[in-house]
Amino acid sequence: MNTLIALAVPLAILVAYLATMPSSQAREAESRARRVSRCPALANLGDVQRRLDAELPDRQVDFVLARIAQHGIDARTLWAWLDRFGADPLVLALASGHGYAGVLRILRDQTSYDEHEARLLARLSTPELFEVAA
């Protein structure tokens, strides 16, 4: 009987730990997202990547991350872009040739972003990024 208890208690603790682990990670991710939404200055590239993963197909996320690294665009600028325009226009802006300076210029301008022009330029410069998988 003592042997059964000695085996059952650690097993029950292990099962309880494993059952609560994913939910605690999910809660932490949700908490982090709320904090960054309230204070965008806290945003880091991990936050940006999680947001891109949620809003874009994988090949577009990979493209955006490569361009971010290439141009050295900081997380706060990217977060401001995502809040103002969204993820799809970020893909278009980077694919149409805008680098860090271009992204900042668009954010600074008070006029609306010309998504139609950016879509045309992006599809001409990187058509493979916008092809629909058959």
N, C-alpha and C. Protein backbone atom coordinates (compact mmCIF):
# COMPACT_ATOMS: atom_id res chain seq x y z
N MET A 1 0.82 -1.19 0.00
CA MET A 1 0.00 0.00 0.00
C MET A 1 0.87 1.26 0.00
N ASN A 2 1.91 1.29 0.83
CA ASN A 2 2.80 2.44 0.88
C ASN A 2 3.51 2.64 -0.46
N THR A 3 3.84 1.54 -1.13
CA THR A 3 4.50 1.62 -2.43
C THR A 3 3.56 2.26 -3.46
N LEU A 4 2.31 1.87 -3.40
CA LEU A 4 1.32 2.42 -4.32
C LEU A 4 1.16 3.93 -4.11
N ILE A 5 1.12 4.36 -2.88
CA ILE A 5 1.02 5.78 -2.57
C ILE A 5 2.29 6.51 -3.01
N ALA A 6 3.43 5.88 -2.77
CA ALA A 6 4.71 6.49 -3.14
C ALA A 6 4.81 6.68 -4.65
N LEU A 7 4.20 5.82 -5.42
CA LEU A 7 4.22 5.95 -6.88
C LEU A 7 3.11 6.87 -7.39
N ALA A 8 1.97 6.85 -6.75
CA ALA A 8 0.81 7.61 -7.22
C ALA A 8 0.96 9.11 -6.99
N VAL A 9 1.52 9.51 -5.87
CA VAL A 9 1.62 10.94 -5.55
C VAL A 9 2.53 11.67 -6.54
N PRO A 10 3.76 11.20 -6.79
CA PRO A 10 4.58 11.91 -7.78
C PRO A 10 3.96 11.89 -9.18
N LEU A 11 3.31 10.80 -9.53
CA LEU A 11 2.66 10.72 -10.83
C LEU A 11 1.52 11.74 -10.92
N ALA A 12 0.74 11.88 -9.88
CA ALA A 12 -0.34 12.86 -9.86
C ALA A 12 0.20 14.28 -9.96
N ILE A 13 1.30 14.54 -9.29
CA ILE A 13 1.92 15.88 -9.35
C ILE A 13 2.44 16.16 -10.76
N LEU A 14 3.05 15.17 -11.38
CA LEU A 14 3.56 15.33 -12.74
C LEU A 14 2.42 15.59 -13.72
N VAL A 15 1.35 14.85 -13.61
CA VAL A 15 0.19 15.03 -14.50
C VAL A 15 -0.41 16.43 -14.30
N ALA A 16 -0.53 16.87 -13.07
CA ALA A 16 -1.08 18.19 -12.79
C ALA A 16 -0.18 19.29 -13.37
N TYR A 17 1.12 19.12 -13.24
CA TYR A 17 2.07 20.10 -13.78
C TYR A 17 1.97 20.17 -15.30
N LEU A 18 1.96 19.02 -15.94
CA LEU A 18 1.87 18.98 -17.40
C LEU A 18 0.55 19.53 -17.90
N ALA A 19 -0.51 19.33 -17.16
CA ALA A 19 -1.83 19.82 -17.57
C ALA A 19 -1.92 21.34 -17.47
N THR A 20 -1.23 21.95 -16.53
CA THR A 20 -1.32 23.40 -16.35
C THR A 20 -0.25 24.16 -17.11
N MET A 21 0.80 23.52 -17.56
CA MET A 21 1.90 24.21 -18.21
C MET A 21 1.47 24.95 -19.48
N PRO A 22 0.80 24.34 -20.45
CA PRO A 22 0.44 25.09 -21.65
C PRO A 22 -0.48 26.27 -21.37
N SER A 23 -1.41 26.10 -20.47
CA SER A 23 -2.32 27.20 -20.20
C SER A 23 -1.60 28.37 -19.53
N SER A 24 -0.60 28.08 -18.71
CA SER A 24 0.14 29.19 -18.09
C SER A 24 0.97 29.93 -19.13
N GLN A 25 1.50 29.22 -20.13
CA GLN A 25 2.24 29.88 -21.20
C GLN A 25 1.29 30.73 -22.05
N ALA A 26 0.12 30.22 -22.31
CA ALA A 26 -0.87 30.97 -23.08
C ALA A 26 -1.31 32.22 -22.31
N ARG A 27 -1.51 32.06 -20.99
CA ARG A 27 -1.88 33.22 -20.17
C ARG A 27 -0.78 34.27 -20.19
N GLU A 28 0.47 33.81 -20.12
CA GLU A 28 1.59 34.77 -20.14
C GLU A 28 1.67 35.49 -21.47
N ALA A 29 1.43 34.78 -22.58
CA ALA A 29 1.45 35.41 -23.89
C ALA A 29 0.33 36.44 -24.02
N GLU A 30 -0.84 36.11 -23.52
CA GLU A 30 -1.97 37.06 -23.55
C GLU A 30 -1.67 38.28 -22.68
N SER A 31 -1.08 38.04 -21.53
CA SER A 31 -0.72 39.14 -20.63
C SER A 31 0.31 40.06 -21.28
N ARG A 32 1.31 39.45 -21.94
CA ARG A 32 2.34 40.23 -22.63
C ARG A 32 1.70 41.06 -23.74
N ALA A 33 0.80 40.47 -24.51
CA ALA A 33 0.13 41.20 -25.60
C ALA A 33 -0.66 42.39 -25.06
N ARG A 34 -1.33 42.21 -23.92
CA ARG A 34 -2.08 43.33 -23.32
C ARG A 34 -1.14 44.44 -22.87
N ARG A 35 -0.01 44.07 -22.24
CA ARG A 35 0.96 45.08 -21.78
C ARG A 35 1.52 45.87 -22.95
N VAL A 36 1.88 45.18 -24.03
CA VAL A 36 2.45 45.86 -25.18
C VAL A 36 1.41 46.74 -25.87
N SER A 37 0.15 46.28 -25.90
CA SER A 37 -0.91 47.11 -26.49
C SER A 37 -1.12 48.39 -25.71
N ARG A 38 -1.01 48.30 -24.37
CA ARG A 38 -1.15 49.49 -23.53
C ARG A 38 0.06 50.40 -23.63
N CYS A 39 1.24 49.80 -23.77
CA CYS A 39 2.48 50.59 -23.81
C CYS A 39 3.35 50.08 -24.96
N PRO A 40 3.16 50.59 -26.18
CA PRO A 40 3.89 50.11 -27.35
C PRO A 40 5.41 50.23 -27.25
N ALA A 41 5.89 51.08 -26.36
CA ALA A 41 7.35 51.21 -26.19
C ALA A 41 7.97 49.92 -25.67
N LEU A 42 7.16 49.03 -25.11
CA LEU A 42 7.66 47.74 -24.61
C LEU A 42 7.84 46.71 -25.71
N ALA A 43 7.33 46.98 -26.90
CA ALA A 43 7.35 45.99 -27.98
C ALA A 43 8.78 45.61 -28.35
N ASN A 44 8.95 44.31 -28.58
CA ASN A 44 10.23 43.81 -29.09
C ASN A 44 9.95 43.00 -30.35
N LEU A 45 11.01 42.52 -30.99
CA LEU A 45 10.81 41.79 -32.24
C LEU A 45 10.03 40.50 -32.05
N GLY A 46 10.11 39.90 -30.88
CA GLY A 46 9.31 38.72 -30.60
C GLY A 46 7.83 39.03 -30.62
N ASP A 47 7.45 40.19 -30.05
CA ASP A 47 6.05 40.61 -30.08
C ASP A 47 5.59 40.85 -31.52
N VAL A 48 6.45 41.49 -32.30
CA VAL A 48 6.12 41.76 -33.70
C VAL A 48 5.95 40.44 -34.45
N GLN A 49 6.86 39.51 -34.23
CA GLN A 49 6.78 38.23 -34.93
C GLN A 49 5.50 37.47 -34.55
N ARG A 50 5.13 37.48 -33.28
CA ARG A 50 3.89 36.80 -32.88
C ARG A 50 2.68 37.43 -33.58
N ARG A 51 2.69 38.73 -33.69
CA ARG A 51 1.58 39.40 -34.36
C ARG A 51 1.56 39.09 -35.86
N LEU A 52 2.73 39.07 -36.47
CA LEU A 52 2.81 38.71 -37.89
C LEU A 52 2.36 37.27 -38.11
N ASP A 53 2.80 36.36 -37.24
CA ASP A 53 2.41 34.95 -37.35
C ASP A 53 0.90 34.80 -37.30
N ALA A 54 0.24 35.63 -36.50
CA ALA A 54 -1.21 35.53 -36.36
C ALA A 54 -1.96 36.11 -37.56
N GLU A 55 -1.32 37.02 -38.30
CA GLU A 55 -2.03 37.75 -39.34
C GLU A 55 -1.63 37.41 -40.78
N LEU A 56 -0.48 36.74 -40.96
CA LEU A 56 0.04 36.54 -42.31
C LEU A 56 0.36 35.07 -42.59
N PRO A 57 0.39 34.69 -43.87
CA PRO A 57 0.89 33.35 -44.22
C PRO A 57 2.39 33.24 -43.92
N ASP A 58 2.86 32.02 -43.74
CA ASP A 58 4.25 31.80 -43.34
C ASP A 58 5.27 32.42 -44.30
N ARG A 59 5.06 32.30 -45.60
CA ARG A 59 6.07 32.83 -46.53
C ARG A 59 6.14 34.35 -46.46
N GLN A 60 5.01 35.01 -46.18
CA GLN A 60 5.05 36.46 -46.03
C GLN A 60 5.71 36.86 -44.71
N VAL A 61 5.49 36.07 -43.66
CA VAL A 61 6.17 36.34 -42.38
C VAL A 61 7.68 36.22 -42.57
N ASP A 62 8.11 35.16 -43.25
CA ASP A 62 9.54 34.97 -43.50
C ASP A 62 10.12 36.13 -44.29
N PHE A 63 9.38 36.59 -45.30
CA PHE A 63 9.81 37.72 -46.11
C PHE A 63 9.97 38.98 -45.26
N VAL A 64 8.95 39.27 -44.46
CA VAL A 64 8.97 40.48 -43.62
C VAL A 64 10.13 40.41 -42.62
N LEU A 65 10.32 39.27 -41.99
CA LEU A 65 11.42 39.14 -41.01
C LEU A 65 12.78 39.32 -41.68
N ALA A 66 12.92 38.80 -42.89
CA ALA A 66 14.18 38.98 -43.62
C ALA A 66 14.41 40.44 -43.95
N ARG A 67 13.37 41.14 -44.39
CA ARG A 67 13.51 42.57 -44.71
C ARG A 67 13.76 43.41 -43.45
N ILE A 68 13.13 43.03 -42.36
CA ILE A 68 13.37 43.74 -41.10
C ILE A 68 14.84 43.63 -40.73
N ALA A 69 15.39 42.43 -40.83
CA ALA A 69 16.81 42.23 -40.50
C ALA A 69 17.69 42.99 -41.49
N GLN A 70 17.35 42.94 -42.77
CA GLN A 70 18.14 43.60 -43.81
C GLN A 70 18.20 45.12 -43.59
N HIS A 71 17.06 45.71 -43.26
CA HIS A 71 16.98 47.16 -43.12
C HIS A 71 17.19 47.64 -41.68
N GLY A 72 17.23 46.73 -40.72
CA GLY A 72 17.43 47.11 -39.33
C GLY A 72 16.27 47.90 -38.75
N ILE A 73 15.05 47.54 -39.11
CA ILE A 73 13.87 48.26 -38.63
C ILE A 73 13.60 47.84 -37.19
N ASP A 74 13.42 48.81 -36.32
CA ASP A 74 13.22 48.50 -34.90
C ASP A 74 11.78 48.11 -34.60
N ALA A 75 11.62 47.43 -33.48
CA ALA A 75 10.32 46.87 -33.10
C ALA A 75 9.27 47.95 -32.84
N ARG A 76 9.66 49.06 -32.24
CA ARG A 76 8.68 50.11 -31.95
C ARG A 76 8.09 50.70 -33.23
N THR A 77 8.93 50.88 -34.25
CA THR A 77 8.45 51.38 -35.53
C THR A 77 7.50 50.38 -36.17
N LEU A 78 7.88 49.10 -36.13
CA LEU A 78 7.03 48.06 -36.70
C LEU A 78 5.70 47.96 -35.97
N TRP A 79 5.74 48.08 -34.64
CA TRP A 79 4.50 48.00 -33.85
C TRP A 79 3.59 49.17 -34.19
N ALA A 80 4.18 50.36 -34.34
CA ALA A 80 3.38 51.53 -34.72
C ALA A 80 2.75 51.33 -36.09
N TRP A 81 3.52 50.74 -37.01
CA TRP A 81 2.97 50.46 -38.35
C TRP A 81 1.81 49.48 -38.25
N LEU A 82 2.02 48.39 -37.51
CA LEU A 82 0.98 47.37 -37.38
C LEU A 82 -0.29 47.94 -36.75
N ASP A 83 -0.13 48.81 -35.78
CA ASP A 83 -1.30 49.44 -35.15
C ASP A 83 -2.04 50.37 -36.12
N ARG A 84 -1.28 51.09 -36.92
CA ARG A 84 -1.90 52.09 -37.80
C ARG A 84 -2.43 51.49 -39.09
N PHE A 85 -1.65 50.60 -39.72
CA PHE A 85 -2.03 50.09 -41.04
C PHE A 85 -2.34 48.60 -41.07
N GLY A 86 -1.69 47.81 -40.24
CA GLY A 86 -1.89 46.36 -40.26
C GLY A 86 -0.73 45.62 -40.90
N ALA A 87 -0.81 44.30 -40.90
CA ALA A 87 0.29 43.46 -41.37
C ALA A 87 0.35 43.40 -42.90
N ASP A 88 -0.79 43.30 -43.57
CA ASP A 88 -0.77 43.21 -45.04
C ASP A 88 -0.11 44.43 -45.68
N PRO A 89 -0.45 45.65 -45.27
CA PRO A 89 0.25 46.81 -45.84
C PRO A 89 1.75 46.84 -45.52
N LEU A 90 2.17 46.22 -44.42
CA LEU A 90 3.60 46.15 -44.13
C LEU A 90 4.31 45.28 -45.17
N VAL A 91 3.70 44.16 -45.52
CA VAL A 91 4.26 43.31 -46.57
C VAL A 91 4.36 44.10 -47.87
N LEU A 92 3.29 44.81 -48.21
CA LEU A 92 3.29 45.59 -49.44
C LEU A 92 4.36 46.67 -49.44
N ALA A 93 4.49 47.37 -48.33
CA ALA A 93 5.49 48.44 -48.25
C ALA A 93 6.91 47.90 -48.41
N LEU A 94 7.20 46.81 -47.73
CA LEU A 94 8.55 46.24 -47.82
C LEU A 94 8.79 45.62 -49.18
N ALA A 95 7.79 44.99 -49.77
CA ALA A 95 7.95 44.37 -51.08
C ALA A 95 8.03 45.41 -52.20
N SER A 96 7.45 46.58 -51.99
CA SER A 96 7.49 47.62 -53.01
C SER A 96 8.75 48.47 -52.93
N GLY A 97 9.65 48.11 -52.05
CA GLY A 97 10.95 48.78 -52.03
C GLY A 97 11.17 49.76 -50.90
N HIS A 98 10.21 49.93 -50.04
CA HIS A 98 10.41 50.84 -48.91
C HIS A 98 11.30 50.17 -47.87
N GLY A 99 12.31 50.88 -47.45
CA GLY A 99 13.16 50.41 -46.36
C GLY A 99 12.75 51.10 -45.08
N TYR A 100 13.69 51.20 -44.16
CA TYR A 100 13.42 51.83 -42.88
C TYR A 100 12.95 53.27 -43.06
N ALA A 101 13.69 54.04 -43.89
CA ALA A 101 13.34 55.44 -44.11
C ALA A 101 11.96 55.58 -44.73
N GLY A 102 11.63 54.70 -45.66
CA GLY A 102 10.33 54.75 -46.31
C GLY A 102 9.20 54.45 -45.34
N VAL A 103 9.41 53.46 -44.48
CA VAL A 103 8.40 53.12 -43.47
C VAL A 103 8.19 54.29 -42.52
N LEU A 104 9.29 54.90 -42.09
CA LEU A 104 9.17 56.06 -41.19
C LEU A 104 8.47 57.23 -41.88
N ARG A 105 8.79 57.46 -43.16
CA ARG A 105 8.17 58.55 -43.89
C ARG A 105 6.66 58.33 -44.01
N ILE A 106 6.25 57.12 -44.30
CA ILE A 106 4.82 56.82 -44.41
C ILE A 106 4.13 57.01 -43.06
N LEU A 107 4.77 56.55 -41.99
CA LEU A 107 4.19 56.72 -40.65
C LEU A 107 4.07 58.19 -40.28
N ARG A 108 5.05 58.99 -40.67
CA ARG A 108 5.07 60.40 -40.33
C ARG A 108 4.02 61.19 -41.09
N ASP A 109 3.77 60.81 -42.35
CA ASP A 109 2.81 61.55 -43.18
C ASP A 109 1.41 61.43 -42.60
N GLN A 110 0.70 62.50 -42.65
CA GLN A 110 -0.67 62.52 -42.13
C GLN A 110 -1.67 62.01 -43.15
N THR A 111 -1.26 61.98 -44.44
CA THR A 111 -2.17 61.46 -45.46
C THR A 111 -2.23 59.94 -45.37
N SER A 112 -3.26 59.38 -45.93
CA SER A 112 -3.41 57.93 -45.86
C SER A 112 -2.41 57.26 -46.81
N TYR A 113 -2.07 56.06 -46.49
CA TYR A 113 -1.13 55.26 -47.26
C TYR A 113 -1.81 54.77 -48.53
N ASP A 114 -1.15 54.94 -49.69
CA ASP A 114 -1.72 54.52 -50.96
C ASP A 114 -1.44 53.03 -51.16
N GLU A 115 -2.34 52.22 -50.64
CA GLU A 115 -2.17 50.77 -50.68
C GLU A 115 -2.26 50.24 -52.12
N HIS A 116 -3.05 50.86 -52.95
CA HIS A 116 -3.20 50.40 -54.33
C HIS A 116 -1.85 50.50 -55.07
N GLU A 117 -1.19 51.64 -54.94
CA GLU A 117 0.12 51.82 -55.59
C GLU A 117 1.14 50.83 -55.02
N ALA A 118 1.15 50.67 -53.71
CA ALA A 118 2.09 49.75 -53.09
C ALA A 118 1.84 48.31 -53.54
N ARG A 119 0.56 47.93 -53.67
CA ARG A 119 0.21 46.58 -54.13
C ARG A 119 0.73 46.34 -55.55
N LEU A 120 0.57 47.32 -56.42
CA LEU A 120 1.03 47.22 -57.79
C LEU A 120 2.55 47.06 -57.84
N LEU A 121 3.26 47.92 -57.13
CA LEU A 121 4.73 47.84 -57.10
C LEU A 121 5.22 46.54 -56.47
N ALA A 122 4.57 46.10 -55.40
CA ALA A 122 4.98 44.87 -54.72
C ALA A 122 4.79 43.66 -55.62
N ARG A 123 3.67 43.61 -56.32
CA ARG A 123 3.41 42.47 -57.21
C ARG A 123 4.37 42.45 -58.40
N LEU A 124 4.83 43.61 -58.82
CA LEU A 124 5.81 43.67 -59.91
C LEU A 124 7.20 43.25 -59.43
N SER A 125 7.57 43.66 -58.22
CA SER A 125 8.93 43.37 -57.75
C SER A 125 9.08 41.98 -57.14
N THR A 126 8.06 41.47 -56.50
CA THR A 126 8.13 40.14 -55.88
C THR A 126 6.84 39.37 -56.12
N PRO A 127 6.58 38.97 -57.37
CA PRO A 127 5.31 38.30 -57.68
C PRO A 127 5.15 36.96 -56.94
N GLU A 128 6.25 36.27 -56.70
CA GLU A 128 6.16 34.97 -56.03
C GLU A 128 5.61 35.08 -54.60
N LEU A 129 5.73 36.23 -54.01
CA LEU A 129 5.25 36.43 -52.65
C LEU A 129 3.72 36.47 -52.60
N PHE A 130 3.11 36.82 -53.71
CA PHE A 130 1.66 37.01 -53.73
C PHE A 130 0.92 35.95 -54.54
N GLU A 131 1.65 34.97 -55.05
CA GLU A 131 1.00 33.88 -55.79
C GLU A 131 0.17 33.04 -54.84
N VAL A 132 -0.99 32.66 -55.29
CA VAL A 132 -1.86 31.81 -54.49
C VAL A 132 -1.45 30.37 -54.75
N ALA A 133 -1.24 29.61 -53.67
CA ALA A 133 -0.86 28.20 -53.82
C ALA A 133 -2.02 27.41 -54.41
N ALA A 134 -1.69 26.58 -55.40
CA ALA A 134 -2.74 25.78 -56.04
C ALA A 134 -3.05 24.54 -55.25
